[in-house]
Amino acid sequence: MTDAEYVNIWMQPERPAYGPKPAYSRAQITEAAIRIADAEGLEAATMRRIATGIGAGAMSLYRYVPSRDNLVELMADRVMGEIDVAGMPSGDWRADLNRYADGLRAMWLRHPWIATVQRSLPSFGPNQLLLIERLMGVLDASVSIDENLGLIAMLNSYVEGTVREEISSAKEFRRGGLSESEWMARSHPYIDRLVRSGKYPIFTKIVMEARQPHLSRDDQFRYGLQRVLDCIAAALPSSGRVSDGSSE
């Protein structure tokens, strides 16, 4: 698609200025696409499948959504709207970022196809813009805009990296027909051999002493999240740390 052909979906009016009322809405099309993607993956959410789901002709959907790229933008923005940022900033930056991180992870787990969406070039839909305003507003009074961008990027990278691994692991376990505990039991003889060899002291220390690998996925996530928030706390001026919900 050339620059001349590209049209930002958020600049396209949903309804034409003249003519009959459209039979469908972008919201209906987007919801139908999300239902298919949740059940079968993003690649299954084709215009033809969506049209069948809402009882429309496949080509007619292009009157509402000009391209599949536009459809994915609508889907991504729609699920970002599930992240609860109401009341942010609350004055307690650590509680706000905790709540946002939990919400972001929960959204990814509900819609694992979001991991396949290329997010490096944001489309700035209404829900994404609301997130930017509320989330970055949490630290806005304490740090410069550049520092704010860096700190929020660090938080997002932790959450997205962790949940990508969680989604990928779950897919591998399903493919192998094993639960996580069954996989660990099957791997035990080999791990035991590595430990007994004496060649890998750090690996042995992980196996014998580390608690984190034995935590639930939720507890592993929270443990890492607190370390990230500690790093953010260290980057704030002392006056910005008094509202983090913890004592100095």
Protein backbone atom coordinates (compact mmCIF):
# COMPACT_ATOMS: atom_id res chain seq x y z
CA MET A 1 0.00 0.00 0.00
CA THR A 2 1.45 3.38 -1.03
CA ASP A 3 1.24 6.59 0.98
CA ALA A 4 -1.29 7.86 -1.55
CA GLU A 5 -3.49 4.79 -1.01
CA TYR A 6 -3.27 4.69 2.79
CA VAL A 7 -6.16 6.18 4.74
CA ASN A 8 -6.09 6.31 8.54
CA ILE A 9 -9.16 4.45 9.76
CA TRP A 10 -9.75 7.02 12.50
CA MET A 11 -10.09 9.77 9.87
CA GLN A 12 -12.73 7.82 7.94
CA PRO A 13 -16.33 8.70 8.81
CA GLU A 14 -18.23 5.57 9.78
CA ARG A 15 -21.35 6.70 7.96
CA PRO A 16 -21.53 8.49 4.61
CA ALA A 17 -22.85 12.03 4.69
CA TYR A 18 -25.73 11.04 2.43
CA GLY A 19 -27.70 7.90 1.62
CA PRO A 20 -29.47 5.21 3.60
CA LYS A 21 -28.45 4.18 7.10
CA PRO A 22 -25.76 1.45 6.93
CA ALA A 23 -26.96 -2.06 7.79
CA TYR A 24 -23.96 -2.74 10.03
CA SER A 25 -21.52 -0.79 12.18
CA ARG A 26 -17.77 -0.95 12.61
CA ALA A 27 -18.38 -2.05 16.19
CA GLN A 28 -20.43 -5.06 15.02
CA ILE A 29 -17.78 -6.03 12.50
CA THR A 30 -14.99 -5.58 15.04
CA GLU A 31 -16.77 -7.66 17.70
CA ALA A 32 -17.41 -10.45 15.18
CA ALA A 33 -13.72 -10.42 14.20
CA ILE A 34 -12.62 -10.57 17.84
CA ARG A 35 -14.88 -13.54 18.56
CA ILE A 36 -13.33 -15.47 15.67
CA ALA A 37 -9.77 -14.47 16.59
CA ASP A 38 -10.31 -15.45 20.25
CA ALA A 39 -11.51 -18.89 19.21
CA GLU A 40 -9.25 -19.66 16.25
CA GLY A 41 -6.48 -17.06 15.99
CA LEU A 42 -6.09 -13.79 14.12
CA GLU A 43 -5.48 -15.44 10.76
CA ALA A 44 -8.96 -17.01 10.90
CA ALA A 45 -10.65 -13.60 11.14
CA THR A 46 -10.96 -13.07 7.39
CA MET A 47 -13.48 -10.74 5.82
CA ARG A 48 -15.35 -13.75 4.46
CA ARG A 49 -15.61 -15.42 7.90
CA ILE A 50 -16.70 -12.19 9.54
CA ALA A 51 -19.29 -11.54 6.84
CA THR A 52 -20.71 -15.03 7.33
CA GLY A 53 -20.90 -14.45 11.07
CA ILE A 54 -22.99 -11.29 10.74
CA GLY A 55 -24.96 -12.33 7.68
CA ALA A 56 -23.40 -9.95 5.18
CA GLY A 57 -21.61 -10.25 1.87
CA ALA A 58 -17.82 -10.31 2.18
CA MET A 59 -17.25 -7.48 -0.28
CA SER A 60 -19.87 -5.32 1.42
CA LEU A 61 -17.69 -5.13 4.56
CA TYR A 62 -15.14 -3.04 2.70
CA ARG A 63 -17.67 -0.20 2.70
CA TYR A 64 -17.26 -0.12 6.47
CA VAL A 65 -13.62 -1.17 6.88
CA PRO A 66 -11.43 -0.34 3.85
CA SER A 67 -8.73 -2.99 4.49
CA ARG A 68 -7.73 -5.90 6.70
CA ASP A 69 -5.00 -3.72 8.22
CA ASN A 70 -7.72 -1.29 9.24
CA LEU A 71 -9.72 -4.16 10.73
CA VAL A 72 -6.77 -5.25 12.87
CA GLU A 73 -6.33 -1.66 14.05
CA LEU A 74 -9.98 -1.59 15.10
CA MET A 75 -9.64 -4.95 16.88
CA ALA A 76 -6.49 -3.93 18.74
CA ASP A 77 -7.99 -0.63 19.86
CA ARG A 78 -11.19 -2.33 20.96
CA VAL A 79 -9.42 -4.80 23.28
CA MET A 80 -7.20 -2.05 24.68
CA GLY A 81 -10.43 -0.47 25.87
CA GLU A 82 -10.84 -3.41 28.27
CA ILE A 83 -7.94 -2.15 30.40
CA ASP A 84 -9.43 -0.27 33.34
CA VAL A 85 -7.76 3.09 33.79
CA ALA A 86 -10.75 4.87 35.32
CA GLY A 87 -9.74 7.29 38.05
CA MET A 88 -6.08 7.44 36.99
CA PRO A 89 -4.01 9.22 38.10
CA SER A 90 -5.27 8.54 41.61
CA GLY A 91 -2.32 10.09 43.44
CA ASP A 92 -0.82 6.68 44.27
CA TRP A 93 1.42 5.98 41.29
CA ARG A 94 2.42 2.50 42.37
CA ALA A 95 -1.18 1.35 42.82
CA ASP A 96 -2.09 2.85 39.44
CA LEU A 97 0.75 1.11 37.60
CA ASN A 98 0.01 -2.16 39.40
CA ARG A 99 -3.61 -1.97 38.27
CA TYR A 100 -2.66 -1.09 34.71
CA ALA A 101 -0.12 -3.93 34.48
CA ASP A 102 -2.63 -6.46 35.82
CA GLY A 103 -5.22 -5.21 33.34
CA LEU A 104 -2.82 -5.35 30.40
CA ARG A 105 -1.79 -8.91 31.21
CA ALA A 106 -5.41 -10.00 31.67
CA MET A 107 -6.35 -8.49 28.30
CA TRP A 108 -3.51 -10.34 26.53
CA LEU A 109 -4.52 -13.63 28.15
CA ARG A 110 -8.15 -13.15 27.07
CA HIS A 111 -7.06 -12.30 23.53
CA PRO A 112 -3.78 -14.14 22.86
CA TRP A 113 -3.91 -13.22 19.17
CA ILE A 114 -2.85 -9.71 20.21
CA ALA A 115 0.69 -11.13 20.49
CA THR A 116 0.74 -11.54 16.69
CA VAL A 117 -0.26 -7.95 15.99
CA GLN A 118 2.60 -5.67 14.98
CA ARG A 119 2.46 -2.90 17.57
CA SER A 120 5.68 -0.98 16.87
CA LEU A 121 3.75 1.62 14.86
CA PRO A 122 0.74 2.68 16.95
CA SER A 123 -2.42 3.80 15.19
CA PHE A 124 -3.62 6.10 18.01
CA GLY A 125 -7.20 4.93 18.19
CA PRO A 126 -9.52 6.39 20.85
CA ASN A 127 -8.86 3.69 23.45
CA GLN A 128 -5.11 3.87 22.94
CA LEU A 129 -5.22 7.64 23.31
CA LEU A 130 -7.20 7.30 26.54
CA LEU A 131 -4.56 4.90 27.85
CA ILE A 132 -1.79 7.33 26.96
CA GLU A 133 -3.53 10.19 28.75
CA ARG A 134 -4.42 8.24 31.90
CA LEU A 135 -1.32 6.07 32.16
CA MET A 136 1.29 8.69 31.42
CA GLY A 137 -0.62 11.11 33.58
CA VAL A 138 0.37 8.93 36.54
CA LEU A 139 4.02 10.03 36.37
CA ASP A 140 3.59 13.32 34.51
CA ALA A 141 3.99 15.57 37.55
CA SER A 142 7.17 13.80 38.70
CA VAL A 143 9.34 13.35 35.60
CA SER A 144 10.01 14.86 32.19
CA ILE A 145 8.01 13.61 29.22
CA ASP A 146 11.06 11.73 27.88
CA GLU A 147 11.67 10.03 31.23
CA ASN A 148 7.98 9.21 31.41
CA LEU A 149 8.09 7.57 27.96
CA GLY A 150 11.10 5.50 28.99
CA LEU A 151 9.63 4.34 32.29
CA ILE A 152 6.27 3.38 30.80
CA ALA A 153 8.06 1.61 27.93
CA MET A 154 10.02 -0.41 30.51
CA LEU A 155 6.79 -1.36 32.28
CA ASN A 156 5.05 -2.31 29.02
CA SER A 157 8.07 -4.33 27.88
CA TYR A 158 8.04 -6.35 31.10
CA VAL A 159 4.31 -7.08 30.93
CA GLU A 160 4.25 -7.88 27.22
CA GLY A 161 7.43 -9.98 27.35
CA THR A 162 6.15 -11.97 30.31
CA VAL A 163 2.71 -12.60 28.88
CA ARG A 164 4.11 -13.50 25.43
CA GLU A 165 6.14 -16.23 27.12
CA GLU A 166 3.08 -17.31 29.09
CA ILE A 167 0.97 -17.56 25.92
CA SER A 168 3.74 -19.35 24.03
CA SER A 169 4.28 -21.86 26.85
CA ALA A 170 0.56 -22.61 27.07
CA LYS A 171 0.50 -23.26 23.32
CA GLU A 172 3.47 -25.63 23.59
CA PHE A 173 1.87 -27.53 26.47
CA ARG A 174 -1.37 -27.91 24.50
CA ARG A 175 0.55 -29.10 21.46
CA GLY A 176 2.37 -31.71 23.53
CA GLY A 177 -0.75 -32.75 25.43
CA LEU A 178 0.96 -32.07 28.78
CA SER A 179 0.31 -29.81 31.74
CA GLU A 180 3.17 -27.69 33.05
CA SER A 181 3.64 -30.00 36.05
CA GLU A 182 3.65 -33.06 33.77
CA TRP A 183 6.28 -31.45 31.56
CA MET A 184 8.47 -30.72 34.60
CA ALA A 185 8.11 -34.31 35.81
CA ARG A 186 9.08 -35.65 32.39
CA SER A 187 12.14 -33.37 32.32
CA HIS A 188 13.30 -34.38 35.81
CA PRO A 189 15.68 -37.25 34.83
CA TYR A 190 17.63 -35.03 32.44
CA ILE A 191 17.77 -32.12 34.88
CA ASP A 192 18.91 -34.47 37.62
CA ARG A 193 21.74 -35.70 35.36
CA LEU A 194 22.84 -32.11 34.68
CA VAL A 195 22.90 -31.29 38.38
CA ARG A 196 24.84 -34.45 39.27
CA SER A 197 27.44 -33.72 36.58
CA GLY A 198 28.78 -30.78 38.58
CA LYS A 199 29.47 -28.87 35.34
CA TYR A 200 26.79 -26.21 35.73
CA PRO A 201 26.96 -24.58 39.18
CA ILE A 202 24.65 -21.65 38.40
CA PHE A 203 22.07 -23.89 36.77
CA THR A 204 22.31 -26.20 39.79
CA LYS A 205 21.76 -23.25 42.11
CA ILE A 206 18.62 -22.34 40.16
CA VAL A 207 17.32 -25.91 40.42
CA MET A 208 18.17 -26.38 44.08
CA GLU A 209 17.58 -22.93 45.57
CA ALA A 210 15.37 -20.75 43.37
CA ARG A 211 11.78 -20.31 44.49
CA GLN A 212 10.57 -18.28 41.55
CA PRO A 213 10.26 -21.16 39.03
CA HIS A 214 7.95 -22.95 41.48
CA LEU A 215 5.59 -20.02 41.93
CA SER A 216 2.27 -19.85 40.11
CA ARG A 217 2.18 -17.80 36.91
CA ASP A 218 0.30 -15.06 38.77
CA ASP A 219 2.88 -14.92 41.57
CA GLN A 220 5.80 -15.00 39.13
CA PHE A 221 4.25 -12.05 37.31
CA ARG A 222 3.71 -10.08 40.50
CA TYR A 223 7.23 -10.79 41.73
CA GLY A 224 8.78 -9.43 38.53
CA LEU A 225 6.35 -6.53 38.39
CA GLN A 226 7.39 -5.34 41.85
CA ARG A 227 11.03 -5.33 40.74
CA VAL A 228 10.10 -3.18 37.73
CA LEU A 229 8.13 -0.79 39.94
CA ASP A 230 11.12 -0.60 42.31
CA CYS A 231 13.23 0.52 39.34
CA ILE A 232 10.64 3.16 38.46
CA ALA A 233 10.63 4.34 42.08
CA ALA A 234 14.41 4.75 41.96
CA ALA A 235 14.07 6.98 38.89
CA LEU A 236 11.58 9.34 40.55
CA PRO A 237 12.68 12.42 42.47
CA SER A 238 12.25 12.02 46.19
CA SER A 239 9.17 14.23 46.12
CA GLY A 240 7.57 11.81 43.64
CA ARG A 241 8.07 8.78 45.86
CA VAL A 242 5.88 9.83 48.75
CA SER A 243 2.68 8.72 46.98
CA ASP A 244 3.78 5.21 46.06
CA GLY A 245 1.79 3.53 48.79
CA SER A 246 4.93 2.48 50.69
CA SER A 247 6.93 3.98 53.51
CA GLU A 248 10.33 5.55 52.96
